[in-house]
Protein backbone atom coordinates (compact mmCIF):
# COMPACT_ATOMS: atom_id res chain seq x y z
CA MET A 1 151.32 99.66 160.09
CA PHE A 2 153.01 96.02 159.87
CA LEU A 3 151.25 92.87 161.05
CA GLY A 4 151.29 89.25 160.98
CA ARG A 5 153.33 86.96 158.53
CA LYS A 6 155.15 85.54 161.73
CA GLU A 7 155.90 82.15 159.80
CA GLU A 8 157.33 83.93 156.70
CA LEU A 9 159.43 86.18 158.86
CA SER A 10 160.96 83.27 161.08
CA GLU A 11 161.41 81.13 158.36
CA LEU A 12 163.77 84.05 156.71
CA GLU A 13 165.13 84.81 159.82
CA ASN A 14 166.40 81.28 159.83
CA LEU A 15 168.28 81.53 156.45
CA TYR A 16 169.80 84.46 156.97
CA ARG A 17 171.08 83.49 160.39
CA MET A 18 172.96 80.28 158.55
CA LYS A 19 176.42 81.02 157.26
CA LYS A 20 175.89 80.11 153.56
CA SER A 21 173.65 81.57 150.70
CA SER A 22 170.01 81.44 150.00
CA LEU A 23 167.93 81.31 147.28
CA ILE A 24 164.23 82.55 147.88
CA VAL A 25 161.46 82.83 145.41
CA LEU A 26 158.22 84.72 146.72
CA TYR A 27 154.71 85.36 145.00
CA GLY A 28 151.63 86.38 145.31
CA ARG A 29 148.74 88.74 143.88
CA ARG A 30 149.37 92.71 143.52
CA ARG A 31 148.66 94.43 147.06
CA ILE A 32 148.93 91.63 149.17
CA GLY A 33 152.06 92.63 151.32
CA LYS A 34 154.98 90.82 149.50
CA SER A 35 157.14 94.40 149.12
CA SER A 36 156.01 95.05 153.21
CA LEU A 37 156.90 91.37 154.19
CA ILE A 38 160.41 91.91 152.84
CA HIS A 39 161.18 95.59 154.03
CA GLU A 40 159.90 94.00 157.21
CA PHE A 41 162.51 91.44 157.29
CA CYS A 42 165.92 93.85 156.01
CA LYS A 43 165.22 96.25 158.52
CA ASN A 44 168.54 96.56 160.27
CA LYS A 45 170.47 94.28 157.86
CA HIS A 46 172.86 95.05 154.89
CA SER A 47 170.16 94.96 151.81
CA HIS A 48 169.96 96.39 148.57
CA THR A 49 166.64 96.57 146.39
CA PHE A 50 165.28 96.79 142.90
CA GLU A 51 162.14 96.53 141.53
CA GLY A 52 161.12 96.10 137.56
CA LEU A 53 159.02 98.67 135.95
CA GLU A 54 155.78 97.37 134.39
CA GLY A 55 155.96 96.89 130.71
CA GLU A 56 159.19 98.34 130.24
CA LYS A 57 161.97 96.09 127.75
CA THR A 58 165.36 95.22 128.70
CA PRO A 59 167.15 98.39 128.12
CA ALA A 60 164.90 100.47 130.23
CA GLN A 61 164.83 97.85 133.09
CA ILE A 62 168.86 97.88 133.16
CA LYS A 63 168.87 101.76 133.56
CA HIS A 64 166.49 101.92 135.84
CA PHE A 65 168.58 99.05 138.01
CA CYS A 66 171.71 100.91 137.70
CA GLU A 67 169.42 104.09 138.91
CA SER A 68 168.93 102.33 141.54
CA LEU A 69 172.11 101.01 142.12
CA LYS A 70 173.64 104.89 142.42
CA GLU A 71 171.36 105.52 145.04
CA GLN A 72 172.02 102.83 146.95
CA LEU A 73 176.06 102.31 146.77
CA SER A 74 178.51 105.39 147.39
CA ASP A 75 180.65 104.20 144.36
CA PRO A 76 181.80 107.36 141.93
CA MET A 77 182.48 104.25 139.39
CA LEU A 78 178.63 104.49 138.72
CA HIS A 79 178.48 107.90 137.64
CA ASP A 80 181.07 107.36 134.83
CA THR A 81 180.28 103.59 133.78
CA LYS A 82 176.91 102.81 131.75
CA PHE A 83 176.20 99.23 132.20
CA SER A 84 174.33 97.91 128.50
CA THR A 85 173.43 94.22 129.60
CA TRP A 86 172.48 92.33 132.45
CA HIS A 87 175.76 90.27 132.65
CA ALA A 88 177.88 93.53 132.99
CA VAL A 89 175.25 94.87 135.81
CA PHE A 90 175.59 91.31 137.85
CA ALA A 91 179.59 91.48 137.32
CA TYR A 92 179.60 94.62 138.95
CA ILE A 93 177.62 93.66 142.04
CA THR A 94 179.79 90.51 142.20
CA LEU A 95 182.53 92.57 142.89
CA LYS A 96 180.61 94.30 146.09
CA VAL A 97 179.49 91.40 147.32
CA SER A 98 181.97 90.43 150.47
CA GLU A 99 182.21 86.52 151.66
CA ASN A 100 182.01 88.08 155.60
CA LYS A 101 178.93 89.88 155.42
CA LYS A 102 175.73 88.30 154.80
CA ILE A 103 174.09 90.71 152.00
CA ILE A 104 170.12 90.68 150.59
CA LEU A 105 169.58 91.18 147.01
CA PHE A 106 165.95 91.77 146.60
CA PHE A 107 164.88 91.62 142.93
CA ASP A 108 161.23 92.84 142.99
CA GLU A 109 158.28 92.78 140.21
CA PHE A 110 160.87 90.16 138.59
CA GLN A 111 158.77 89.26 136.09
CA TRP A 112 158.97 92.65 134.73
CA LEU A 113 162.90 92.95 135.40
CA ALA A 114 163.09 89.82 133.27
CA ALA A 115 160.98 91.24 130.35
CA GLY A 116 158.46 88.03 130.60
CA GLN A 117 161.03 86.40 129.39
CA SER A 118 163.14 83.23 131.43
CA LYS A 119 166.92 84.47 129.87
CA LEU A 120 167.56 86.65 133.23
CA VAL A 121 166.47 83.40 134.73
CA SER A 122 169.51 81.49 132.84
CA LEU A 123 171.71 84.44 133.84
CA ILE A 124 170.99 84.18 137.55
CA LYS A 125 171.50 80.55 137.36
CA TYR A 126 175.10 81.42 136.20
CA PHE A 127 176.02 83.97 138.67
CA TRP A 128 174.29 81.95 141.54
CA ASP A 129 176.56 78.83 140.26
CA ASN A 130 179.96 80.72 139.86
CA GLU A 131 179.72 83.78 142.45
CA TRP A 132 176.90 84.19 144.32
CA LYS A 133 176.55 80.68 146.23
CA LYS A 134 180.12 81.50 147.62
CA LYS A 135 180.08 84.32 148.72
CA ASN A 136 177.13 85.00 151.68
CA VAL A 137 174.27 86.02 149.52
CA MET A 138 170.63 85.90 149.57
CA LEU A 139 168.36 86.25 147.09
CA ILE A 140 165.01 87.10 146.97
CA LEU A 141 163.07 86.79 143.75
CA CYS A 142 159.86 88.53 143.55
CA GLY A 143 156.74 88.77 141.50
CA SER A 144 152.67 89.21 141.15
CA ILE A 145 152.40 87.10 138.29
CA ALA A 146 152.37 83.80 139.72
CA SER A 147 152.11 82.18 136.61
CA PHE A 148 155.45 83.39 135.20
CA MET A 149 157.30 82.95 138.99
CA ILE A 150 156.05 79.24 139.01
CA ASN A 151 156.45 78.09 135.41
CA LYS A 152 159.59 80.64 134.42
CA VAL A 153 161.34 80.58 137.60
CA ILE A 154 160.31 77.96 140.48
CA LYS A 155 160.03 74.95 137.91
CA SER A 156 162.70 76.48 135.27
CA LYS A 157 165.38 73.99 134.71
CA ALA A 158 168.08 76.35 135.68
CA LEU A 159 166.99 76.82 138.93
CA TYR A 160 166.34 73.48 139.69
CA GLY A 161 167.39 71.70 143.32
CA ARG A 162 168.50 75.53 143.71
CA ILE A 163 165.71 77.37 145.28
CA ASN A 164 165.86 76.90 149.52
CA PHE A 165 162.60 78.46 150.23
CA GLU A 166 159.10 79.12 147.96
CA ILE A 167 156.18 81.71 149.98
CA HIS A 168 152.98 81.97 148.04
CA LEU A 169 152.17 84.99 150.27
CA LYS A 170 147.97 84.85 150.74
CA GLY A 171 145.95 87.25 152.39
CA LEU A 172 145.81 87.79 155.83
CA LYS A 173 144.28 85.38 158.56
CA SER A 174 140.81 86.68 160.33
CA PHE A 175 142.61 87.48 163.68
CA GLU A 176 144.97 89.45 161.48
CA ALA A 177 142.38 91.32 160.05
CA PHE A 178 140.85 91.93 163.00
CA GLU A 179 144.39 93.43 164.62
CA MET A 180 144.59 95.74 161.48
CA LEU A 181 141.47 97.34 161.80
CA ARG A 182 142.79 97.85 165.63
CA LYS A 183 139.82 96.33 167.00
CA LYS A 184 138.11 99.44 166.62
CA ARG A 185 135.40 97.76 164.74
CA SER A 186 133.57 94.39 165.73
CA ILE A 187 134.25 90.63 164.74
CA ASP A 188 131.69 90.70 162.99
CA GLU A 189 132.05 93.87 160.72
CA THR A 190 135.74 92.80 160.04
CA MET A 191 133.94 89.51 158.91
CA ARG A 192 132.05 91.79 156.64
CA TYR A 193 134.65 93.34 155.20
CA LEU A 194 136.78 89.99 154.31
CA LEU A 195 133.84 88.55 152.60
CA THR A 196 133.42 91.97 150.53
CA LEU A 197 137.03 93.23 150.09
CA GLY A 198 138.91 89.79 150.80
CA SER A 199 141.48 89.63 153.15
CA VAL A 200 144.65 91.76 151.38
CA PRO A 201 146.35 94.25 153.52
CA LYS A 202 146.44 97.56 151.04
CA TYR A 203 142.15 97.05 151.16
CA LEU A 204 142.09 96.80 154.69
CA GLU A 205 144.16 99.80 155.21
CA GLU A 206 141.55 102.08 153.21
CA ILE A 207 139.25 101.23 155.56
CA ASP A 208 138.21 104.69 157.75
CA LEU A 209 137.84 103.23 161.28
CA SER A 210 135.57 106.10 162.40
CA LYS A 211 132.88 105.20 159.81
CA SER A 212 130.85 102.04 159.36
CA PHE A 213 130.97 99.05 157.03
CA GLU A 214 128.28 100.58 154.98
CA GLN A 215 129.90 104.10 155.02
CA ASN A 216 133.03 102.73 153.78
CA ILE A 217 131.47 100.60 150.83
CA GLU A 218 129.84 103.32 149.98
CA ARG A 219 133.20 105.50 149.82
CA LEU A 220 135.39 102.89 148.57
CA CYS A 221 133.20 101.15 145.65
CA PHE A 222 130.96 103.32 145.08
CA ASN A 223 132.46 106.54 144.80
CA SER A 224 133.99 108.11 141.52
CA LYS A 225 137.20 108.11 143.48
CA GLY A 226 136.83 104.96 145.43
CA ILE A 227 139.86 102.60 145.25
CA MET A 228 138.02 99.61 144.79
CA VAL A 229 136.20 101.08 141.57
CA ARG A 230 139.00 100.28 139.14
CA GLU A 231 141.08 98.13 140.99
CA PHE A 232 139.77 95.30 138.89
CA ASP A 233 141.40 96.56 135.93
CA ARG A 234 144.54 96.93 137.94
CA ILE A 235 144.84 93.42 139.32
CA PHE A 236 143.27 91.38 136.22
CA TYR A 237 144.75 93.11 133.06
CA ASN A 238 148.16 93.32 134.70
CA GLN A 239 148.15 89.22 135.55
CA PHE A 240 147.22 87.96 132.09
CA LYS A 241 148.56 89.08 128.48
CA GLU A 242 145.37 87.13 126.70
CA ALA A 243 142.71 88.94 129.36
CA LYS A 244 139.85 88.51 126.90
CA ASN A 245 139.66 84.84 127.24
CA TYR A 246 140.41 84.75 130.98
CA LEU A 247 137.77 87.45 131.63
CA ALA A 248 134.91 85.12 129.90
CA ILE A 249 135.93 82.05 131.86
CA ILE A 250 135.57 84.39 135.04
CA LYS A 251 132.15 85.95 134.02
CA TYR A 252 130.57 82.44 133.46
CA ILE A 253 131.62 81.15 136.95
CA LYS A 254 131.34 83.95 138.61
CA ASP A 255 127.58 82.67 140.33
CA LYS A 256 128.19 78.97 139.53
CA ILE A 257 130.27 76.25 139.80
CA ARG A 258 131.15 74.73 136.82
CA SER A 259 132.51 71.79 134.68
CA LYS A 260 135.40 72.28 132.15
CA LYS A 261 133.06 70.80 129.70
CA GLU A 262 130.93 73.41 130.96
CA ILE A 263 133.06 75.94 130.61
CA SER A 264 134.68 75.13 127.01
CA GLU A 265 130.85 74.67 125.56
CA ASN A 266 130.11 78.62 127.02
CA VAL A 267 133.58 80.57 125.84
CA LYS A 268 134.48 78.35 122.68
CA ILE A 269 137.52 77.48 123.74
CA LYS A 270 138.54 73.54 122.89
CA SER A 271 138.56 71.75 126.57
CA GLY A 272 142.05 70.49 126.05
CA GLY A 273 145.32 72.20 126.87
CA GLY A 274 144.28 75.50 125.68
CA LEU A 275 141.55 75.63 128.34
CA LYS A 276 143.11 73.84 131.02
CA LEU A 277 145.98 76.16 130.64
CA TYR A 278 143.43 79.36 131.21
CA LEU A 279 142.01 77.34 134.26
CA ASP A 280 145.37 76.33 135.67
CA ASN A 281 146.50 80.30 135.70
CA LEU A 282 143.50 81.44 136.89
CA GLU A 283 143.87 79.00 140.41
CA ILE A 284 147.74 80.08 140.28
CA ALA A 285 146.73 83.77 140.56
CA GLY A 286 144.09 82.87 143.23
CA PHE A 287 140.93 83.88 141.16
CA VAL A 288 139.48 80.59 140.99
CA LYS A 289 139.36 77.26 142.78
CA SER A 290 138.63 73.82 141.16
CA TYR A 291 137.09 70.87 143.26
CA ILE A 292 137.10 67.45 143.03
CA PRO A 293 132.90 65.91 143.78
CA PHE A 294 132.90 64.08 146.76
CA LYS A 295 134.35 60.39 146.09
CA TYR A 296 135.79 60.53 143.18
CA GLN A 297 139.82 60.56 142.17
CA LYS A 298 141.79 64.06 141.59
CA ASN A 299 142.36 63.54 138.22
CA SER A 300 138.79 63.26 137.62
CA LYS A 301 137.20 64.56 134.85
CA LEU A 302 134.10 65.81 136.70
CA LYS A 303 136.55 68.34 138.63
CA LYS A 304 134.18 71.84 138.58
CA TYR A 305 135.61 75.06 138.98
CA ARG A 306 134.26 78.41 140.71
CA LEU A 307 135.49 81.55 141.37
CA SER A 308 137.06 81.96 144.66
CA ASP A 309 138.69 85.72 145.15
CA ASN A 310 135.46 87.71 147.00
CA TYR A 311 136.47 91.18 145.62
CA LEU A 312 136.11 89.79 142.16
CA SER A 313 132.49 88.20 143.22
CA PHE A 314 131.55 91.82 144.36
CA TYR A 315 132.59 93.61 141.93
CA PHE A 316 131.12 91.50 139.11
CA GLU A 317 127.82 91.59 141.19
CA TYR A 318 127.35 94.99 142.29
CA ILE A 319 130.42 97.64 140.95
CA GLU A 320 130.57 96.55 137.41
CA PRO A 321 127.00 96.63 136.39
CA ASN A 322 127.11 100.67 138.34
CA LEU A 323 130.21 101.59 136.66
CA GLU A 324 128.37 104.17 134.29
CA SER A 325 126.22 105.46 137.34
CA ILE A 326 129.63 105.80 139.61
CA VAL A 327 132.26 107.18 136.97
CA ASP A 328 129.93 109.20 134.43
CA TYR A 329 126.95 110.64 136.34
CA GLU A 330 128.76 110.48 139.62
CA ILE A 331 125.60 109.70 141.53
CA LYS A 332 125.54 109.73 145.36
CA GLY A 333 123.91 106.73 147.83
CA ILE A 334 124.26 104.18 144.94
CA TYR A 335 124.93 101.32 148.10
CA GLN A 336 121.96 102.33 149.73
CA ALA A 337 119.53 102.61 146.75
CA ARG A 338 120.66 99.58 144.76
CA ILE A 339 122.76 97.49 146.64
CA LYS A 340 121.80 97.52 150.46
CA SER A 341 118.55 95.39 149.74
CA SER A 342 120.16 92.46 148.43
CA MET A 343 123.41 92.34 150.35
CA ASN A 344 122.52 90.16 153.18
CA ILE A 345 121.48 87.65 150.62
CA TRP A 346 124.91 87.95 148.66
CA LEU A 347 126.80 87.77 152.16
CA GLY A 348 125.48 84.42 152.64
CA PHE A 349 126.94 83.23 149.15
CA SER A 350 130.40 85.07 149.83
CA PHE A 351 130.06 83.38 153.22
CA GLU A 352 130.22 79.67 151.78
CA ARG A 353 133.47 80.68 149.19
CA PHE A 354 135.16 82.03 152.52
CA CYS A 355 134.36 78.59 154.58
CA LEU A 356 135.66 76.42 151.54
CA THR A 357 138.81 78.95 151.21
CA ASN A 358 139.40 78.11 154.75
CA ALA A 359 138.62 74.52 155.15
CA ASN A 360 141.35 73.70 156.83
CA ILE A 361 141.16 75.94 159.74
CA ILE A 362 137.50 74.96 160.16
CA SER A 363 138.66 71.47 160.28
CA ARG A 364 141.23 72.30 163.21
CA ILE A 365 138.75 74.07 165.33
CA MET A 366 136.64 70.87 164.93
CA GLY A 367 139.09 68.86 166.09
CA PHE A 368 139.97 66.89 163.19
CA GLU A 369 141.99 68.57 160.93
CA SER A 370 144.59 65.69 160.73
CA GLN A 371 142.07 63.18 159.86
CA VAL A 372 141.04 65.28 156.44
CA THR A 373 141.49 63.18 153.11
CA GLY A 374 138.84 65.43 150.89
CA ILE A 375 137.43 68.70 151.17
CA SER A 376 134.58 69.55 148.58
CA PRO A 377 131.12 70.99 148.15
CA TYR A 378 128.88 68.06 147.34
CA PHE A 379 127.02 68.79 143.93
CA GLU A 380 125.72 65.81 141.08
CA ARG A 381 125.56 65.97 137.70
CA LYS A 382 121.73 64.83 136.97
CA ASN A 383 120.50 66.91 140.34
CA GLU A 384 122.14 70.18 140.00
CA ARG A 385 119.48 71.69 142.56
CA PHE A 386 121.11 69.26 145.28
CA GLN A 387 124.17 70.76 146.46
CA ILE A 388 126.07 70.67 150.11
CA ASP A 389 128.06 73.78 151.09
CA LEU A 390 131.16 71.78 152.28
CA ILE A 391 131.58 68.40 153.08
CA TYR A 392 134.84 66.41 154.61
CA THR A 393 135.99 62.86 153.98
CA ARG A 394 137.85 61.63 157.15
CA SER A 395 140.73 58.47 157.26
CA ASP A 396 138.92 57.65 160.72
CA LYS A 397 135.66 56.47 158.48
CA VAL A 398 133.89 59.50 158.81
CA ILE A 399 132.23 61.88 156.40
CA THR A 400 131.73 65.58 157.89
CA ILE A 401 128.49 67.32 156.44
CA CYS A 402 128.70 71.59 157.04
CA GLU A 403 125.70 73.49 156.86
CA ILE A 404 127.02 76.83 156.35
CA LYS A 405 124.27 80.03 157.45
CA PHE A 406 125.09 83.94 157.34
CA GLN A 407 121.91 84.49 158.80
CA VAL A 408 121.65 87.82 161.11
CA ASN A 409 120.21 85.71 164.46
CA GLU A 410 121.15 82.78 165.83
CA ILE A 411 120.07 79.63 164.11
CA SER A 412 117.13 77.84 165.43
CA THR A 413 115.79 74.22 164.98
CA LYS A 414 114.27 75.40 161.59
CA VAL A 415 117.61 74.38 159.94
CA ILE A 416 117.32 70.77 160.85
CA PRO A 417 114.67 69.47 158.54
CA GLU A 418 117.00 71.17 155.61
CA VAL A 419 119.99 69.10 156.62
CA GLU A 420 118.19 65.61 157.01
CA ARG A 421 117.17 65.80 154.03
CA LYS A 422 120.59 66.31 152.61
CA CYS A 423 121.78 63.44 154.94
CA LYS A 424 119.51 61.11 153.29
CA LEU A 425 120.02 62.01 149.54
CA ILE A 426 123.81 61.40 149.82
CA LYS A 427 125.45 58.15 149.51
CA ILE A 428 128.27 57.50 151.50
CA PRO A 429 130.58 54.68 151.42
CA LYS A 430 129.70 51.58 153.34
CA GLY A 431 131.25 51.72 157.04
CA PHE A 432 131.01 55.23 157.29
CA THR A 433 129.36 57.41 159.86
CA ILE A 434 127.92 60.62 159.03
CA GLU A 435 128.67 64.05 161.48
CA LYS A 436 126.96 67.08 161.08
CA ALA A 437 128.20 70.54 161.27
CA LEU A 438 126.70 73.88 161.45
CA ILE A 439 128.82 76.76 160.68
CA SER A 440 127.49 80.40 161.03
CA ARG A 441 127.64 83.54 161.97
CA PHE A 442 126.39 83.97 165.49
CA GLY A 443 126.04 79.79 166.54
CA PRO A 444 122.66 78.13 167.32
CA ASP A 445 120.07 79.52 169.72
CA ASN A 446 119.59 77.29 172.89
CA SER A 447 116.56 75.59 171.33
CA LEU A 448 118.78 74.05 169.08
CA ARG A 449 121.91 73.41 171.24
CA ASP A 450 119.61 71.65 173.48
CA ALA A 451 117.97 69.72 170.49
CA ASP A 452 121.89 67.86 170.28
CA TYR A 453 121.42 67.71 166.69
CA PHE A 454 124.95 68.79 165.32
CA HIS A 455 128.01 67.05 166.44
CA HIS A 456 130.34 70.39 165.76
CA TYR A 457 129.37 74.35 165.42
CA VAL A 458 131.67 76.74 164.75
CA SER A 459 130.97 80.61 164.99
CA VAL A 460 132.40 83.86 163.26
CA ASN A 461 134.11 83.88 166.73
CA ASP A 462 135.60 81.06 166.38
CA ILE A 463 137.20 81.83 162.93
CA PHE A 464 138.73 84.97 164.12
CA ASP A 465 139.84 82.73 167.57
CA GLU A 466 144.21 83.14 167.49
CA LYS A 467 144.98 80.14 169.26
CA TYR A 468 143.54 77.98 165.90
CA TYR A 469 146.08 79.41 163.53
CA THR A 470 149.30 78.79 165.85
């Protein structure tokens, strides 16, 4: 079932309707729905799809590409012709392209087609400039290794100024995830899936709508045949060549926000260009997010990093420590026996991570999205215990301090002293006003609302309201 992606489909349709060629680059992590998006877009259109083979060298890529050509084109010539170079393949494709009819060429898993090198990008530049650009071609280059797609394709000198549209495809919006579950599970249960598995369409497709959250997590994550048990290996080792160093960084920041200096000292990688490259690639891949401390500039050396992927966090916290029991001994009931008792606390931390990732939507709900100039957790070097979950700096001289709670009940007035203490400790610029916001699972109870303490309230129901996404 395909749903969502309305903005991306609309932009692609606009480009398709134009009577000229266009070059699109699409990237995003595995399972995020890149191929599904393009297949949906290509329905009832003249298109050809070619997919790269993971780990294969150029000759094997060309051979597979040509097999796809034979399947999609009824040309007897292809049965008697063997292409040995990409130049010959593209020259043949050029002969089949008509100036009078729009054609979509979709190169999926492009980083594998290119065998991890930039030579194919340069050749595409040649054919684009000299042939395809003049022939009403819509060329879509799609890849799951973000660092390659950004550094070797988008930022390449060969394609500079030629790309018409870039799509960094991310997870589904909250309300789309609810629709994907066909509204058969509650909003609260859907949120728990997002906090545990993330908003990756493929993962949500695996949910059995006749079973509860606990039953599904047991089946998907703590069963030897569960899809999420080995998913870490598929998405992580596919993304990085030097996986050992990336894994060391991820494991060090999985529980706590860390500075580059702290990471360097722990994983024994110099904090210069080497570590920066690792951190940049992790951030490009969507596994890690960096934050600038409140009141500091973007190039601040105080920048800190934290794990941003909910599934990876759940994997390291619960799946990896139990892998032997899950895979080797096939022990049943691990979730109930070992996980459930601590799950609510872990969901609280995951909800904080979710709110930081969705901070723009939350500011829209509170009505000041256009005034936001900075988004970050608040932390201090001298006092690591003092932290504010989320803080907005605004152009209208307001600092909005957010308290984030994922409790099973409505929030009572007991939260007020805790927030008051934080407000007194934070140092704000002169002339600024502090506003206080509560972001929670079920909102405030009557006593807290009557206390008129917070300026803003955001509940999970608000985050799932479609009107804030249009």
